[in-house]
C-alpha atoms as a PDB file:
ATOM      1  CA  UNK A   1     110.062  44.431  91.633  1.00  0.00           C
ATOM      2  CA  UNK A   2     111.669  42.539  88.712  1.00  0.00           C
ATOM      3  CA  UNK A   3     110.794  39.118  87.814  1.00  0.00           C
ATOM      4  CA  UNK A   4     114.197  37.359  87.487  1.00  0.00           C
ATOM      5  CA  UNK A   5     114.146  33.685  86.675  1.00  0.00           C
ATOM      6  CA  UNK A   6     115.938  31.216  89.022  1.00  0.00           C
ATOM      7  CA  UNK A   7     119.138  29.890  87.852  1.00  0.00           C
ATOM      8  CA  UNK A   8     118.560  26.430  86.482  1.00  0.00           C
ATOM      9  CA  UNK A   9     120.429  23.235  87.293  1.00  0.00           C
ATOM     10  CA  UNK A  10     124.096  23.100  86.119  1.00  0.00           C
ATOM     11  CA  UNK A  11     124.790  20.702  83.233  1.00  0.00           C
ATOM     12  CA  UNK A  12     126.020  17.211  84.492  1.00  0.00           C
ATOM     13  CA  UNK A  13     129.744  16.836  84.190  1.00  0.00           C
ATOM     14  CA  UNK A  14     130.103  13.334  82.859  1.00  0.00           C
ATOM     15  CA  UNK A  15     133.245  11.199  83.435  1.00  0.00           C
ATOM     16  CA  UNK A  16     134.535   7.974  81.915  1.00  0.00           C
ATOM     17  CA  UNK A  17     136.633   5.481  83.933  1.00  0.00           C
ATOM     18  CA  UNK A  18     140.265   5.840  83.843  1.00  0.00           C
ATOM     19  CA  UNK A  19     140.087   2.265  82.662  1.00  0.00           C
ATOM     20  CA  UNK A  20     138.531   3.088  79.465  1.00  0.00           C
ATOM     21  CA  UNK A  21     141.482   4.158  77.488  1.00  0.00           C
ATOM     22  CA  UNK A  22     141.115   6.005  74.192  1.00  0.00           C
ATOM     23  CA  UNK A  23     139.908   3.230  71.754  1.00  0.00           C
ATOM     24  CA  UNK A  24     136.129   3.726  72.450  1.00  0.00           C
ATOM     25  CA  UNK A  25     135.096   0.351  73.388  1.00  0.00           C
ATOM     26  CA  UNK A  26     132.178  -0.382  76.102  1.00  0.00           C
ATOM     27  CA  UNK A  27     132.543   2.427  78.429  1.00  0.00           C
ATOM     28  CA  UNK A  28     130.158   3.910  81.252  1.00  0.00           C
ATOM     29  CA  UNK A  29     130.061   7.559  82.039  1.00  0.00           C
ATOM     30  CA  UNK A  30     128.872   8.704  85.535  1.00  0.00           C
ATOM     31  CA  UNK A  31     128.265  12.089  87.219  1.00  0.00           C
ATOM     32  CA  UNK A  32     128.155  12.830  90.777  1.00  0.00           C
ATOM     33  CA  UNK A  33     126.756  16.065  90.777  1.00  0.00           C
ATOM     34  CA  UNK A  34     123.361  15.007  92.074  1.00  0.00           C
ATOM     35  CA  UNK A  35     122.887  15.047  95.800  1.00  0.00           C
ATOM     36  CA  UNK A  36     121.297  11.460  96.331  1.00  0.00           C
ATOM     37  CA  UNK A  37     121.637   9.901  92.930  1.00  0.00           C
ATOM     38  CA  UNK A  38     124.463   8.674  90.675  1.00  0.00           C
ATOM     39  CA  UNK A  39     123.402   8.899  86.855  1.00  0.00           C
ATOM     40  CA  UNK A  40     125.098   6.557  84.516  1.00  0.00           C
ATOM     41  CA  UNK A  41     125.105   6.281  80.597  1.00  0.00           C
ATOM     42  CA  UNK A  42     126.610   4.539  77.965  1.00  0.00           C
ATOM     43  CA  UNK A  43     129.584   6.710  76.663  1.00  0.00           C
ATOM     44  CA  UNK A  44     128.818   5.708  73.051  1.00  0.00           C
ATOM     45  CA  UNK A  45     125.277   7.045  73.231  1.00  0.00           C
ATOM     46  CA  UNK A  46     125.337  10.339  75.435  1.00  0.00           C
ATOM     47  CA  UNK A  47     121.907  11.161  74.397  1.00  0.00           C
ATOM     48  CA  UNK A  48     120.439   7.775  74.974  1.00  0.00           C
ATOM     49  CA  UNK A  49     118.826   6.629  78.264  1.00  0.00           C
ATOM     50  CA  UNK A  50     120.260   7.143  81.661  1.00  0.00           C
ATOM     51  CA  UNK A  51     120.187   4.931  84.652  1.00  0.00           C
ATOM     52  CA  UNK A  52     120.232   6.404  88.163  1.00  0.00           C
ATOM     53  CA  UNK A  53     121.253   4.423  91.238  1.00  0.00           C
ATOM     54  CA  UNK A  54     121.167   5.468  94.903  1.00  0.00           C
ATOM     55  CA  UNK A  55     124.606   6.729  96.123  1.00  0.00           C
ATOM     56  CA  UNK A  56     124.696   3.716  98.579  1.00  0.00           C
ATOM     57  CA  UNK A  57     124.005   1.092  95.842  1.00  0.00           C
ATOM     58  CA  UNK A  58     126.552   2.859  93.424  1.00  0.00           C
ATOM     59  CA  UNK A  59     129.078   2.707  95.938  1.00  0.00           C
ATOM     60  CA  UNK A  60     128.633  -1.066  96.866  1.00  0.00           C
ATOM     61  CA  UNK A  61     128.805  -1.905  93.202  1.00  0.00           C
ATOM     62  CA  UNK A  62     132.159   0.122  92.854  1.00  0.00           C
ATOM     63  CA  UNK A  63     133.672  -1.544  95.869  1.00  0.00           C
ATOM     64  CA  UNK A  64     132.641  -5.098  94.818  1.00  0.00           C
ATOM     65  CA  UNK A  65     134.266  -4.372  91.450  1.00  0.00           C
ATOM     66  CA  UNK A  66     137.498  -3.113  92.922  1.00  0.00           C
ATOM     67  CA  UNK A  67     137.275  -6.313  95.547  1.00  0.00           C
ATOM     68  CA  UNK A  68     137.665  -3.897  98.588  1.00  0.00           C
ATOM     69  CA  UNK A  69     134.258  -4.566 100.277  1.00  0.00           C
ATOM     70  CA  UNK A  70     134.308  -7.152 102.977  1.00  0.00           C
ATOM     71  CA  UNK A  71     132.587 -10.265 102.495  1.00  0.00           C
ATOM     72  CA  UNK A  72     130.463 -11.606 105.396  1.00  0.00           C
END
């Protein structure tokens, strides 16, 4: 029997907001390849720290930014 290593996780596919433009500035990058978390990082320091949010919390945050979440 051959000892074949398990394939590792795929590298994260980071993406910036379409609102970020090409001038640099203050931008966040997110990746949605994790099944239960949304990792977020500063686009200017891609090797810096990363924050991770539960999918539900991130969705609520984004909906609030867009103004699409109903207020009760």
